[in-house]
Amino acid sequence: MQTNRMEFIHRKLPLMTVLLIVIILSLLLFLVGLMVGYGILHSPIEVLNPGTWTHILKLTGAA
Protein backbone atom coordinates (compact mmCIF):
# COMPACT_ATOMS: atom_id res chain seq x y z
CA MET A 1 0.00 0.00 0.00
CA GLN A 2 1.38 3.34 -1.02
CA THR A 3 0.55 6.55 0.80
CA ASN A 4 0.63 9.95 -0.81
CA ARG A 5 2.09 12.23 1.80
CA MET A 6 3.17 15.74 1.06
CA GLU A 7 6.41 16.85 2.56
CA PHE A 8 6.54 20.41 3.81
CA ILE A 9 9.64 22.53 3.67
CA HIS A 10 10.23 24.24 6.97
CA ARG A 11 12.32 27.37 6.80
CA LYS A 12 14.52 28.47 9.63
CA LEU A 13 13.74 32.09 8.75
CA PRO A 14 10.49 33.29 7.19
CA LEU A 15 10.68 34.42 3.58
CA MET A 16 9.84 38.05 4.38
CA THR A 17 12.67 38.16 6.93
CA VAL A 18 15.13 36.87 4.35
CA LEU A 19 13.94 39.47 1.82
CA LEU A 20 14.27 42.25 4.39
CA ILE A 21 17.82 41.15 5.24
CA VAL A 22 18.76 41.05 1.54
CA ILE A 23 17.35 44.54 0.94
CA ILE A 24 19.13 46.02 3.96
CA LEU A 25 22.45 44.39 3.00
CA SER A 26 22.06 45.62 -0.58
CA LEU A 27 21.54 49.20 0.57
CA LEU A 28 24.44 48.97 2.99
CA LEU A 29 26.78 47.62 0.31
CA PHE A 30 25.57 50.30 -2.12
CA LEU A 31 26.50 53.02 0.39
CA VAL A 32 29.89 51.41 1.06
CA GLY A 33 30.52 51.27 -2.70
CA LEU A 34 29.62 54.93 -3.07
CA MET A 35 31.95 55.84 -0.24
CA VAL A 36 34.82 53.83 -1.69
CA GLY A 37 34.32 55.21 -5.19
CA TYR A 38 33.95 58.82 -4.06
CA GLY A 39 36.68 58.41 -1.46
CA ILE A 40 39.33 57.87 -4.14
CA LEU A 41 39.24 61.58 -5.01
CA HIS A 42 37.58 63.18 -1.98
CA SER A 43 36.59 62.45 1.59
CA PRO A 44 34.36 59.34 1.72
CA ILE A 45 31.95 60.89 4.25
CA GLU A 46 31.15 63.75 1.85
CA VAL A 47 29.20 61.36 -0.38
CA LEU A 48 26.42 61.44 2.23
CA ASN A 49 26.18 65.25 2.04
CA PRO A 50 23.15 66.44 -0.02
CA GLY A 51 25.25 69.31 -1.39
CA THR A 52 27.52 66.77 -3.07
CA TRP A 53 24.58 65.24 -4.90
CA THR A 54 23.25 68.60 -6.12
CA HIS A 55 26.75 69.37 -7.44
CA ILE A 56 26.94 65.98 -9.19
CA LEU A 57 23.50 66.46 -10.72
CA LYS A 58 24.46 69.93 -11.98
CA LEU A 59 27.65 68.55 -13.53
CA THR A 60 25.79 65.79 -15.36
CA GLY A 61 23.00 68.10 -16.51
CA ALA A 62 20.31 66.11 -14.74
CA ALA A 63 19.16 69.04 -12.62
PDB file of N, CA and C in Angstrom:
ATOM      1  N   MET A   1       0.840  -1.171   0.000  1.00  0.00           N
ATOM      2  CA  MET A   1       0.000   0.000   0.000  1.00  0.00           C
ATOM      3  C   MET A   1       0.894   1.246   0.000  1.00  0.00           C
ATOM      4  N   GLN A   2       0.568   2.142  -0.877  1.00  0.00           N
ATOM      5  CA  GLN A   2       1.377   3.339  -1.023  1.00  0.00           C
ATOM      6  C   GLN A   2       0.589   4.548  -0.514  1.00  0.00           C
ATOM      7  N   THR A   3       1.228   5.370   0.289  1.00  0.00           N
ATOM      8  CA  THR A   3       0.546   6.554   0.804  1.00  0.00           C
ATOM      9  C   THR A   3       1.097   7.789   0.114  1.00  0.00           C
ATOM     10  N   ASN A   4       0.234   8.693  -0.191  1.00  0.00           N
ATOM     11  CA  ASN A   4       0.627   9.954  -0.806  1.00  0.00           C
ATOM     12  C   ASN A   4       0.704  11.023   0.279  1.00  0.00           C
ATOM     13  N   ARG A   5       1.894  11.219   0.777  1.00  0.00           N
ATOM     14  CA  ARG A   5       2.086  12.233   1.801  1.00  0.00           C
ATOM     15  C   ARG A   5       2.871  13.388   1.201  1.00  0.00           C
ATOM     16  N   MET A   6       2.439  14.561   1.514  1.00  0.00           N
ATOM     17  CA  MET A   6       3.169  15.740   1.055  1.00  0.00           C
ATOM     18  C   MET A   6       4.203  16.107   2.110  1.00  0.00           C
ATOM     19  N   GLU A   7       5.364  16.405   1.643  1.00  0.00           N
ATOM     20  CA  GLU A   7       6.410  16.855   2.564  1.00  0.00           C
ATOM     21  C   GLU A   7       6.457  18.368   2.536  1.00  0.00           C
ATOM     22  N   PHE A   8       6.498  18.964   3.691  1.00  0.00           N
ATOM     23  CA  PHE A   8       6.538  20.409   3.806  1.00  0.00           C
ATOM     24  C   PHE A   8       7.973  20.858   4.057  1.00  0.00           C
ATOM     25  N   ILE A   9       8.310  21.949   3.446  1.00  0.00           N
ATOM     26  CA  ILE A   9       9.637  22.533   3.667  1.00  0.00           C
ATOM     27  C   ILE A   9       9.506  23.544   4.802  1.00  0.00           C
ATOM     28  N   HIS A  10      10.239  23.320   5.846  1.00  0.00           N
ATOM     29  CA  HIS A  10      10.226  24.244   6.968  1.00  0.00           C
ATOM     30  C   HIS A  10      11.456  25.132   6.876  1.00  0.00           C
ATOM     31  N   ARG A  11      11.216  26.405   6.867  1.00  0.00           N
ATOM     32  CA  ARG A  11      12.319  27.371   6.800  1.00  0.00           C
ATOM     33  C   ARG A  11      12.742  27.767   8.212  1.00  0.00           C
ATOM     34  N   LYS A  12      14.042  27.991   8.328  1.00  0.00           N
ATOM     35  CA  LYS A  12      14.522  28.468   9.631  1.00  0.00           C
ATOM     36  C   LYS A  12      14.149  29.933   9.817  1.00  0.00           C
ATOM     37  N   LEU A  13      14.164  30.695   8.720  1.00  0.00           N
ATOM     38  CA  LEU A  13      13.742  32.093   8.747  1.00  0.00           C
ATOM     39  C   LEU A  13      12.589  32.269   7.772  1.00  0.00           C
ATOM     40  N   PRO A  14      11.589  33.041   8.131  1.00  0.00           N
ATOM     41  CA  PRO A  14      10.486  33.291   7.193  1.00  0.00           C
ATOM     42  C   PRO A  14      10.987  34.022   5.945  1.00  0.00           C
ATOM     43  N   LEU A  15      10.276  33.842   4.850  1.00  0.00           N
ATOM     44  CA  LEU A  15      10.676  34.416   3.576  1.00  0.00           C
ATOM     45  C   LEU A  15      10.761  35.936   3.633  1.00  0.00           C
ATOM     46  N   MET A  16       9.830  36.587   4.283  1.00  0.00           N
ATOM     47  CA  MET A  16       9.843  38.049   4.378  1.00  0.00           C
ATOM     48  C   MET A  16      11.060  38.543   5.165  1.00  0.00           C
ATOM     49  N   THR A  17      11.483  37.796   6.160  1.00  0.00           N
ATOM     50  CA  THR A  17      12.665  38.164   6.928  1.00  0.00           C
ATOM     51  C   THR A  17      13.912  38.073   6.054  1.00  0.00           C
ATOM     52  N   VAL A  18      13.986  37.035   5.248  1.00  0.00           N
ATOM     53  CA  VAL A  18      15.126  36.871   4.351  1.00  0.00           C
ATOM     54  C   VAL A  18      15.150  38.008   3.330  1.00  0.00           C
ATOM     55  N   LEU A  19      13.995  38.362   2.772  1.00  0.00           N
ATOM     56  CA  LEU A  19      13.935  39.470   1.819  1.00  0.00           C
ATOM     57  C   LEU A  19      14.345  40.787   2.456  1.00  0.00           C
ATOM     58  N   LEU A  20      13.905  41.023   3.680  1.00  0.00           N
ATOM     59  CA  LEU A  20      14.269  42.250   4.387  1.00  0.00           C
ATOM     60  C   LEU A  20      15.776  42.308   4.636  1.00  0.00           C
ATOM     61  N   ILE A  21      16.368  41.200   5.016  1.00  0.00           N
ATOM     62  CA  ILE A  21      17.819  41.148   5.239  1.00  0.00           C
ATOM     63  C   ILE A  21      18.568  41.417   3.935  1.00  0.00           C
ATOM     64  N   VAL A  22      18.104  40.846   2.842  1.00  0.00           N
ATOM     65  CA  VAL A  22      18.763  41.054   1.544  1.00  0.00           C
ATOM     66  C   VAL A  22      18.667  42.520   1.118  1.00  0.00           C
ATOM     67  N   ILE A  23      17.518  43.135   1.310  1.00  0.00           N
ATOM     68  CA  ILE A  23      17.352  44.545   0.936  1.00  0.00           C
ATOM     69  C   ILE A  23      18.244  45.439   1.780  1.00  0.00           C
ATOM     70  N   ILE A  24      18.298  45.199   3.074  1.00  0.00           N
ATOM     71  CA  ILE A  24      19.134  46.017   3.963  1.00  0.00           C
ATOM     72  C   ILE A  24      20.611  45.848   3.617  1.00  0.00           C
ATOM     73  N   LEU A  25      21.049  44.616   3.377  1.00  0.00           N
ATOM     74  CA  LEU A  25      22.446  44.385   3.003  1.00  0.00           C
ATOM     75  C   LEU A  25      22.774  45.022   1.659  1.00  0.00           C
ATOM     76  N   SER A  26      21.833  44.994   0.728  1.00  0.00           N
ATOM     77  CA  SER A  26      22.061  45.618  -0.580  1.00  0.00           C
ATOM     78  C   SER A  26      22.247  47.125  -0.438  1.00  0.00           C
ATOM     79  N   LEU A  27      21.400  47.759   0.357  1.00  0.00           N
ATOM     80  CA  LEU A  27      21.538  49.199   0.573  1.00  0.00           C
ATOM     81  C   LEU A  27      22.840  49.538   1.285  1.00  0.00           C
ATOM     82  N   LEU A  28      23.201  48.732   2.256  1.00  0.00           N
ATOM     83  CA  LEU A  28      24.443  48.966   2.988  1.00  0.00           C
ATOM     84  C   LEU A  28      25.654  48.834   2.062  1.00  0.00           C
ATOM     85  N   LEU A  29      25.666  47.799   1.234  1.00  0.00           N
ATOM     86  CA  LEU A  29      26.777  47.616   0.309  1.00  0.00           C
ATOM     87  C   LEU A  29      26.802  48.701  -0.769  1.00  0.00           C
ATOM     88  N   PHE A  30      25.635  49.200  -1.164  1.00  0.00           N
ATOM     89  CA  PHE A  30      25.571  50.304  -2.116  1.00  0.00           C
ATOM     90  C   PHE A  30      26.219  51.553  -1.519  1.00  0.00           C
ATOM     91  N   LEU A  31      25.899  51.859  -0.268  1.00  0.00           N
ATOM     92  CA  LEU A  31      26.503  53.023   0.392  1.00  0.00           C
ATOM     93  C   LEU A  31      28.012  52.852   0.564  1.00  0.00           C
ATOM     94  N   VAL A  32      28.443  51.657   0.914  1.00  0.00           N
ATOM     95  CA  VAL A  32      29.887  51.411   1.057  1.00  0.00           C
ATOM     96  C   VAL A  32      30.583  51.587  -0.298  1.00  0.00           C
ATOM     97  N   GLY A  33      29.956  51.100  -1.368  1.00  0.00           N
ATOM     98  CA  GLY A  33      30.523  51.266  -2.698  1.00  0.00           C
ATOM     99  C   GLY A  33      30.605  52.725  -3.110  1.00  0.00           C
ATOM    100  N   LEU A  34      29.578  53.495  -2.786  1.00  0.00           N
ATOM    101  CA  LEU A  34      29.619  54.929  -3.071  1.00  0.00           C
ATOM    102  C   LEU A  34      30.751  55.610  -2.310  1.00  0.00           C
ATOM    103  N   MET A  35      30.905  55.223  -1.055  1.00  0.00           N
ATOM    104  CA  MET A  35      31.946  55.844  -0.238  1.00  0.00           C
ATOM    105  C   MET A  35      33.337  55.471  -0.740  1.00  0.00           C
ATOM    106  N   VAL A  36      33.517  54.243  -1.167  1.00  0.00           N
ATOM    107  CA  VAL A  36      34.825  53.825  -1.692  1.00  0.00           C
ATOM    108  C   VAL A  36      35.108  54.538  -3.007  1.00  0.00           C
ATOM    109  N   GLY A  37      34.122  54.564  -3.899  1.00  0.00           N
ATOM    110  CA  GLY A  37      34.316  55.209  -5.190  1.00  0.00           C
ATOM    111  C   GLY A  37      34.551  56.697  -5.075  1.00  0.00           C
ATOM    112  N   TYR A  38      33.787  57.379  -4.243  1.00  0.00           N
ATOM    113  CA  TYR A  38      33.952  58.819  -4.064  1.00  0.00           C
ATOM    114  C   TYR A  38      35.188  59.118  -3.230  1.00  0.00           C
ATOM    115  N   GLY A  39      35.545  58.196  -2.351  1.00  0.00           N
ATOM    116  CA  GLY A  39      36.680  58.406  -1.461  1.00  0.00           C
ATOM    117  C   GLY A  39      38.025  58.368  -2.161  1.00  0.00           C
ATOM    118  N   ILE A  40      38.069  57.885  -3.404  1.00  0.00           N
ATOM    119  CA  ILE A  40      39.333  57.872  -4.145  1.00  0.00           C
ATOM    120  C   ILE A  40      39.806  59.298  -4.397  1.00  0.00           C
ATOM    121  N   LEU A  41      38.871  60.201  -4.707  1.00  0.00           N
ATOM    122  CA  LEU A  41      39.239  61.582  -5.014  1.00  0.00           C
ATOM    123  C   LEU A  41      38.978  62.548  -3.865  1.00  0.00           C
ATOM    124  N   HIS A  42      37.996  62.260  -3.048  1.00  0.00           N
ATOM    125  CA  HIS A  42      37.581  63.181  -1.978  1.00  0.00           C
ATOM    126  C   HIS A  42      37.410  62.410  -0.679  1.00  0.00           C
ATOM    127  N   SER A  43      36.879  63.091   0.312  1.00  0.00           N
ATOM    128  CA  SER A  43      36.592  62.453   1.594  1.00  0.00           C
ATOM    129  C   SER A  43      35.378  61.534   1.445  1.00  0.00           C
ATOM    130  N   PRO A  44      35.470  60.283   1.906  1.00  0.00           N
ATOM    131  CA  PRO A  44      34.362  59.337   1.722  1.00  0.00           C
ATOM    132  C   PRO A  44      33.062  59.748   2.411  1.00  0.00           C
ATOM    133  N   ILE A  45      33.155  60.496   3.510  1.00  0.00           N
ATOM    134  CA  ILE A  45      31.952  60.886   4.246  1.00  0.00           C
ATOM    135  C   ILE A  45      31.164  61.945   3.475  1.00  0.00           C
ATOM    136  N   GLU A  46      31.832  62.688   2.603  1.00  0.00           N
ATOM    137  CA  GLU A  46      31.155  63.745   1.850  1.00  0.00           C
ATOM    138  C   GLU A  46      30.110  63.200   0.880  1.00  0.00           C
ATOM    139  N   VAL A  47      30.178  61.925   0.546  1.00  0.00           N
ATOM    140  CA  VAL A  47      29.203  61.357  -0.377  1.00  0.00           C
ATOM    141  C   VAL A  47      27.806  61.351   0.239  1.00  0.00           C
ATOM    142  N   LEU A  48      27.706  61.422   1.546  1.00  0.00           N
ATOM    143  CA  LEU A  48      26.416  61.440   2.234  1.00  0.00           C
ATOM    144  C   LEU A  48      25.833  62.849   2.335  1.00  0.00           C
ATOM    145  N   ASN A  49      26.601  63.863   1.967  1.00  0.00           N
ATOM    146  CA  ASN A  49      26.177  65.251   2.035  1.00  0.00           C
ATOM    147  C   ASN A  49      25.250  65.566   0.856  1.00  0.00           C
ATOM    148  N   PRO A  50      24.052  66.109   1.097  1.00  0.00           N
ATOM    149  CA  PRO A  50      23.146  66.435  -0.021  1.00  0.00           C
ATOM    150  C   PRO A  50      23.740  67.449  -1.000  1.00  0.00           C
ATOM    151  N   GLY A  51      24.614  68.333  -0.508  1.00  0.00           N
ATOM    152  CA  GLY A  51      25.253  69.306  -1.391  1.00  0.00           C
ATOM    153  C   GLY A  51      26.130  68.641  -2.445  1.00  0.00           C
ATOM    154  N   THR A  52      26.710  67.529  -2.102  1.00  0.00           N
ATOM    155  CA  THR A  52      27.519  66.774  -3.069  1.00  0.00           C
ATOM    156  C   THR A  52      26.652  66.271  -4.205  1.00  0.00           C
ATOM    157  N   TRP A  53      25.464  65.786  -3.875  1.00  0.00           N
ATOM    158  CA  TRP A  53      24.581  65.239  -4.904  1.00  0.00           C
ATOM    159  C   TRP A  53      24.014  66.328  -5.796  1.00  0.00           C
ATOM    160  N   THR A  54      23.725  67.505  -5.254  1.00  0.00           N
ATOM    161  CA  THR A  54      23.253  68.600  -6.118  1.00  0.00           C
ATOM    162  C   THR A  54      24.371  69.023  -7.062  1.00  0.00           C
ATOM    163  N   HIS A  55      25.604  69.035  -6.578  1.00  0.00           N
ATOM    164  CA  HIS A  55      26.746  69.368  -7.441  1.00  0.00           C
ATOM    165  C   HIS A  55      26.924  68.328  -8.544  1.00  0.00           C
ATOM    166  N   ILE A  56      26.808  67.044  -8.203  1.00  0.00           N
ATOM    167  CA  ILE A  56      26.941  65.982  -9.193  1.00  0.00           C
ATOM    168  C   ILE A  56      25.828  66.078 -10.230  1.00  0.00           C
ATOM    169  N   LEU A  57      24.610  66.339  -9.778  1.00  0.00           N
ATOM    170  CA  LEU A  57      23.497  66.463 -10.718  1.00  0.00           C
ATOM    171  C   LEU A  57      23.660  67.662 -11.634  1.00  0.00           C
ATOM    172  N   LYS A  58      24.211  68.766 -11.120  1.00  0.00           N
ATOM    173  CA  LYS A  58      24.461  69.928 -11.976  1.00  0.00           C
ATOM    174  C   LYS A  58      25.541  69.636 -13.005  1.00  0.00           C
ATOM    175  N   LEU A  59      26.574  68.893 -12.601  1.00  0.00           N
ATOM    176  CA  LEU A  59      27.646  68.555 -13.530  1.00  0.00           C
ATOM    177  C   LEU A  59      27.169  67.642 -14.656  1.00  0.00           C
ATOM    178  N   THR A  60      26.261  66.729 -14.349  1.00  0.00           N
ATOM    179  CA  THR A  60      25.788  65.793 -15.364  1.00  0.00           C
ATOM    180  C   THR A  60      24.639  66.362 -16.177  1.00  0.00           C
ATOM    181  N   GLY A  61      24.103  67.497 -15.776  1.00  0.00           N
ATOM    182  CA  GLY A  61      23.003  68.098 -16.513  1.00  0.00           C
ATOM    183  C   GLY A  61      21.656  67.511 -16.169  1.00  0.00           C
ATOM    184  N   ALA A  62      21.580  66.732 -15.126  1.00  0.00           N
ATOM    185  CA  ALA A  62      20.310  66.106 -14.740  1.00  0.00           C
ATOM    186  C   ALA A  62      19.408  67.066 -13.971  1.00  0.00           C
ATOM    187  N   ALA A  63      19.987  68.103 -13.401  1.00  0.00           N
ATOM    188  CA  ALA A  63      19.164  69.041 -12.620  1.00  0.00           C
ATOM    189  C   ALA A  63      19.171  70.414 -13.221  1.00  0.00           C
TER     190      ALA A  63
END
